[in-house]
Amino acid sequence: METIRHTGSTSVMVVRSILALLIFAISAAFAARADVVPPLAKGQVWSIKSLSPSTAKVVIARIEPWKDKTVVHICIIDFPVSDTAATKITAIAHMPFEKAALVASLDKLLATHVAPVPDFERGYNIWKEKHGGIFKVSVAQAIHLED
């Protein structure tokens, strides 16, 4: 049977390896937290993720249970319109999103305690009356910024 001898340099290497793994794990945990969206709340304004830069922003107007999901009712403000458009719509009053789809679309929290656009309640009431559905795609896809 062989005797295994531990030298001081082997112990130092083991300790360094463990420290490197710990630093990596802590760094990864902090990097993952950077992408965590804080809890959604009425009145928040968010920028959106899109392939090309966009001025469009999301205003959270209402959050409620819907069937077996959570629906987040939003307004879109600063909606980019082309110069050739017949009307210059710069806001969308009401869009209901599945919470998970919306969360995946949000980029940065820009403001809180912001009121929805004036026509939000009208759009929401029509949606409720007609038993409307919800968007399960990204905001950028829903407003045709991306295909």
Protein backbone atom coordinates (compact mmCIF):
# COMPACT_ATOMS: atom_id res chain seq x y z
CA MET A 1 0.00 0.00 0.00
CA GLU A 2 1.33 3.39 -0.97
CA THR A 3 1.45 6.29 1.38
CA ILE A 4 0.14 9.54 -0.06
CA ARG A 5 1.92 12.59 1.20
CA HIS A 6 0.34 16.02 1.04
CA THR A 7 2.68 18.84 0.56
CA GLY A 8 2.05 22.44 1.39
CA SER A 9 1.90 23.41 -2.29
CA THR A 10 -0.85 20.86 -2.98
CA SER A 11 -2.97 22.30 -0.16
CA VAL A 12 -2.47 25.81 -1.49
CA MET A 13 -3.60 24.69 -4.96
CA VAL A 14 -6.74 23.08 -3.53
CA VAL A 15 -7.59 26.19 -1.54
CA ARG A 16 -7.05 28.40 -4.61
CA SER A 17 -9.27 26.14 -6.71
CA ILE A 18 -12.03 26.27 -4.11
CA LEU A 19 -11.75 30.07 -3.89
CA ALA A 20 -11.91 30.39 -7.68
CA LEU A 21 -15.06 28.24 -7.77
CA LEU A 22 -16.67 30.30 -5.01
CA ILE A 23 -15.87 33.58 -6.79
CA PHE A 24 -17.29 32.18 -10.02
CA ALA A 25 -20.48 31.01 -8.28
CA ILE A 26 -20.99 34.37 -6.56
CA SER A 27 -20.39 36.26 -9.81
CA ALA A 28 -22.86 34.05 -11.65
CA ALA A 29 -25.47 34.62 -8.94
CA PHE A 30 -25.10 38.40 -9.20
CA ALA A 31 -25.21 38.30 -13.01
CA ALA A 32 -28.41 36.25 -12.88
CA ARG A 33 -29.99 38.73 -10.46
CA ALA A 34 -29.34 41.59 -12.91
CA ASP A 35 -31.92 40.05 -15.26
CA VAL A 36 -34.56 39.56 -12.55
CA VAL A 37 -37.56 41.81 -13.08
CA PRO A 38 -38.87 43.37 -9.87
CA PRO A 39 -42.50 42.70 -8.98
CA LEU A 40 -44.89 44.27 -11.46
CA ALA A 41 -47.19 46.99 -10.16
CA LYS A 42 -49.83 49.32 -11.51
CA GLY A 43 -48.31 52.60 -12.66
CA GLN A 44 -44.88 51.29 -13.63
CA VAL A 45 -43.37 52.42 -16.94
CA TRP A 46 -40.92 50.06 -18.66
CA SER A 47 -38.78 50.16 -21.76
CA ILE A 48 -39.10 47.06 -23.91
CA LYS A 49 -36.65 44.62 -25.39
CA SER A 50 -36.57 44.65 -29.19
CA LEU A 51 -34.10 43.79 -31.93
CA SER A 52 -33.88 47.41 -33.03
CA PRO A 53 -34.00 50.42 -30.70
CA SER A 54 -37.53 51.65 -29.98
CA THR A 55 -39.10 54.55 -28.14
CA ALA A 56 -42.13 52.40 -27.22
CA LYS A 57 -42.77 52.06 -23.50
CA VAL A 58 -45.16 49.94 -21.47
CA VAL A 59 -47.40 51.43 -18.77
CA ILE A 60 -48.87 48.82 -16.44
CA ALA A 61 -52.50 49.74 -15.88
CA ARG A 62 -54.02 46.68 -14.19
CA ILE A 63 -53.01 43.19 -13.02
CA GLU A 64 -55.60 40.51 -12.38
CA PRO A 65 -56.23 36.76 -12.46
CA TRP A 66 -57.57 35.43 -15.76
CA LYS A 67 -58.55 31.79 -16.13
CA ASP A 68 -55.49 29.89 -14.83
CA LYS A 69 -53.05 32.74 -15.54
CA THR A 70 -52.29 36.31 -14.53
CA VAL A 71 -53.10 38.97 -17.09
CA VAL A 72 -51.30 42.29 -17.09
CA HIS A 73 -53.19 45.07 -18.86
CA ILE A 74 -50.88 47.63 -20.39
CA CYS A 75 -50.84 50.77 -22.49
CA ILE A 76 -48.11 51.44 -25.01
CA ILE A 77 -46.82 55.02 -25.09
CA ASP A 78 -44.31 56.71 -27.37
CA PHE A 79 -45.26 54.19 -30.03
CA PRO A 80 -43.12 54.82 -33.14
CA VAL A 81 -45.13 55.56 -36.28
CA SER A 82 -43.82 56.02 -39.76
CA ASP A 83 -43.93 59.38 -41.52
CA THR A 84 -46.17 57.83 -44.17
CA ALA A 85 -48.88 56.75 -41.73
CA ALA A 86 -52.27 58.36 -42.33
CA THR A 87 -52.79 58.94 -38.62
CA LYS A 88 -50.10 59.58 -36.05
CA ILE A 89 -51.05 57.15 -33.28
CA THR A 90 -48.44 57.43 -30.56
CA ALA A 91 -50.24 55.36 -27.91
CA ILE A 92 -52.14 52.09 -27.74
CA ALA A 93 -54.77 52.32 -25.02
CA HIS A 94 -55.18 48.68 -24.01
CA MET A 95 -53.29 45.44 -24.57
CA PRO A 96 -53.74 42.43 -22.26
CA PHE A 97 -50.63 40.24 -21.85
CA GLU A 98 -49.94 36.95 -20.18
CA LYS A 99 -47.66 37.93 -17.30
CA ALA A 100 -44.80 35.62 -18.35
CA ALA A 101 -44.80 36.99 -21.91
CA LEU A 102 -44.81 40.55 -20.65
CA VAL A 103 -42.04 39.97 -18.10
CA ALA A 104 -39.85 38.49 -20.86
CA SER A 105 -40.44 41.67 -22.89
CA LEU A 106 -39.51 44.20 -20.22
CA ASP A 107 -36.11 45.85 -20.20
CA LYS A 108 -35.71 48.69 -17.69
CA LEU A 109 -38.04 50.18 -15.11
CA LEU A 110 -38.23 53.88 -16.00
CA ALA A 111 -40.89 55.35 -13.70
CA THR A 112 -43.61 54.52 -11.19
CA HIS A 113 -47.01 55.99 -10.28
CA VAL A 114 -47.87 56.85 -13.90
CA ALA A 115 -51.52 56.92 -14.96
CA PRO A 116 -52.64 54.92 -18.00
CA VAL A 117 -53.62 56.75 -21.18
CA PRO A 118 -57.14 58.29 -21.12
CA ASP A 119 -58.76 55.57 -23.30
CA PHE A 120 -57.45 52.66 -21.24
CA GLU A 121 -60.68 52.05 -19.29
CA ARG A 122 -62.73 52.09 -22.50
CA GLY A 123 -60.44 49.47 -24.09
CA TYR A 124 -60.38 47.38 -20.94
CA ASN A 125 -64.19 47.41 -20.65
CA ILE A 126 -64.60 46.31 -24.29
CA TRP A 127 -62.08 43.50 -23.71
CA LYS A 128 -63.97 42.37 -20.60
CA GLU A 129 -67.40 42.62 -22.26
CA LYS A 130 -66.26 40.62 -25.31
CA HIS A 131 -64.37 38.05 -23.21
CA GLY A 132 -61.19 38.88 -25.08
CA GLY A 133 -57.99 36.89 -25.14
CA ILE A 134 -54.47 37.78 -24.12
CA PHE A 135 -51.16 38.21 -25.92
CA LYS A 136 -48.65 35.40 -25.33
CA VAL A 137 -45.88 36.89 -27.51
CA SER A 138 -43.40 39.65 -26.83
CA VAL A 139 -44.56 43.25 -26.78
CA ALA A 140 -42.30 43.96 -29.77
CA GLN A 141 -44.01 41.19 -31.74
CA ALA A 142 -47.49 42.29 -30.68
CA ILE A 143 -46.94 45.85 -31.89
CA HIS A 144 -45.16 44.63 -35.02
CA LEU A 145 -41.69 45.94 -34.25
CA GLU A 146 -40.46 42.39 -34.90
CA ASP A 147 -41.79 39.48 -36.94
